[in-house]
Amino acid sequence: MTKKITFTVEFAVDPTWIADGFYLDAQRALEMLANDLSHADIGAELDARIVKHPDAATVAKLMGYASVEDMRAKYPETMPSHQWANAD
């Protein structure tokens, strides 16, 4: 297997999109990439990870939750606690 080529990409979205429920996690980023490269083998040929993301308190506030815990209770699969380990 050859070594994968890495692209470093920064996405910026208006806070309104976060308030409306958008959240970019590694799975969503991978799906976005796979959508464009539809014949690629996810895992073998494609990978995605989030290197930096907004802090959990900001996301929770924008989404209208009283606390990070309330937000995680609603979305336990997409917003696990380890995901916020390197938050701004």
Protein backbone atom coordinates (compact mmCIF):
# COMPACT_ATOMS: atom_id res chain seq x y z
CA MET A 1 0.00 0.00 0.00
CA THR A 2 1.33 3.40 -0.90
CA LYS A 3 1.43 6.25 1.54
CA LYS A 4 -1.58 8.57 1.33
CA ILE A 5 -1.11 12.20 0.31
CA THR A 6 -2.29 14.68 2.95
CA PHE A 7 -4.22 17.88 2.26
CA THR A 8 -4.71 20.33 5.11
CA VAL A 9 -8.01 22.14 4.73
CA GLU A 10 -9.71 24.76 6.86
CA PHE A 11 -13.47 25.18 6.76
CA ALA A 12 -15.14 28.31 8.13
CA VAL A 13 -18.91 28.50 8.54
CA ASP A 14 -21.21 31.22 9.75
CA PRO A 15 -22.42 30.57 13.34
CA THR A 16 -25.97 30.39 11.96
CA TRP A 17 -25.14 27.00 10.43
CA ILE A 18 -24.01 25.67 13.82
CA ALA A 19 -27.17 27.06 15.40
CA ASP A 20 -29.15 25.19 12.72
CA GLY A 21 -27.47 21.92 13.72
CA PHE A 22 -24.46 21.62 11.40
CA TYR A 23 -21.41 20.08 12.96
CA LEU A 24 -18.34 18.86 11.09
CA ASP A 25 -16.90 15.68 12.55
CA ALA A 26 -14.42 13.27 10.96
CA GLN A 27 -17.18 11.00 9.65
CA ARG A 28 -18.99 13.86 7.93
CA ALA A 29 -15.71 15.15 6.44
CA LEU A 30 -14.95 11.64 5.15
CA GLU A 31 -18.42 11.34 3.64
CA MET A 32 -18.02 14.73 1.94
CA LEU A 33 -14.73 13.59 0.41
CA ALA A 34 -16.13 10.20 -0.57
CA ASN A 35 -19.09 11.90 -2.23
CA ASP A 36 -16.72 13.60 -4.66
CA LEU A 37 -14.48 10.53 -5.07
CA SER A 38 -17.33 8.05 -5.34
CA HIS A 39 -15.22 5.13 -6.57
CA ALA A 40 -12.62 5.40 -3.82
CA ASP A 41 -12.33 2.79 -1.07
CA ILE A 42 -13.07 4.54 2.24
CA GLY A 43 -10.50 3.45 4.78
CA ALA A 44 -8.00 2.08 2.28
CA GLU A 45 -7.81 5.09 -0.02
CA LEU A 46 -9.49 7.91 1.94
CA ASP A 47 -9.33 9.17 5.49
CA ALA A 48 -10.38 12.33 7.30
CA ARG A 49 -9.82 13.75 10.75
CA ILE A 50 -10.62 16.96 12.50
CA VAL A 51 -7.46 18.58 13.79
CA LYS A 52 -9.02 21.68 15.31
CA HIS A 53 -12.62 22.53 16.09
CA PRO A 54 -14.62 25.07 18.10
CA ASP A 55 -14.88 24.45 21.81
CA ALA A 56 -17.86 22.46 23.06
CA ALA A 57 -19.33 25.34 25.07
CA THR A 58 -19.50 27.55 21.97
CA VAL A 59 -21.17 24.83 19.90
CA ALA A 60 -23.65 24.03 22.68
CA LYS A 61 -24.55 27.70 23.13
CA LEU A 62 -25.02 28.27 19.38
CA MET A 63 -27.22 25.17 19.16
CA GLY A 64 -29.37 26.47 22.00
CA TYR A 65 -28.37 24.02 24.73
CA ALA A 66 -27.98 25.09 28.34
CA SER A 67 -24.78 23.08 28.71
CA VAL A 68 -22.32 20.82 26.92
CA GLU A 69 -23.77 17.88 28.84
CA ASP A 70 -27.25 18.60 27.45
CA MET A 71 -25.83 18.70 23.93
CA ARG A 72 -23.93 15.42 24.40
CA ALA A 73 -27.04 13.76 25.85
CA LYS A 74 -28.90 14.63 22.64
CA TYR A 75 -26.07 13.58 20.28
CA PRO A 76 -23.93 10.97 22.11
CA GLU A 77 -22.64 9.30 18.93
CA THR A 78 -21.65 12.42 17.05
CA MET A 79 -20.33 14.46 19.95
CA PRO A 80 -18.43 12.12 22.28
CA SER A 81 -16.46 13.72 25.11
CA HIS A 82 -13.08 12.69 23.66
CA GLN A 83 -13.86 14.73 20.56
CA TRP A 84 -13.39 17.93 22.54
CA ALA A 85 -9.96 17.00 23.90
CA ASN A 86 -8.09 19.42 21.62
CA ALA A 87 -10.74 22.10 21.32
CA ASP A 88 -9.87 25.78 21.10
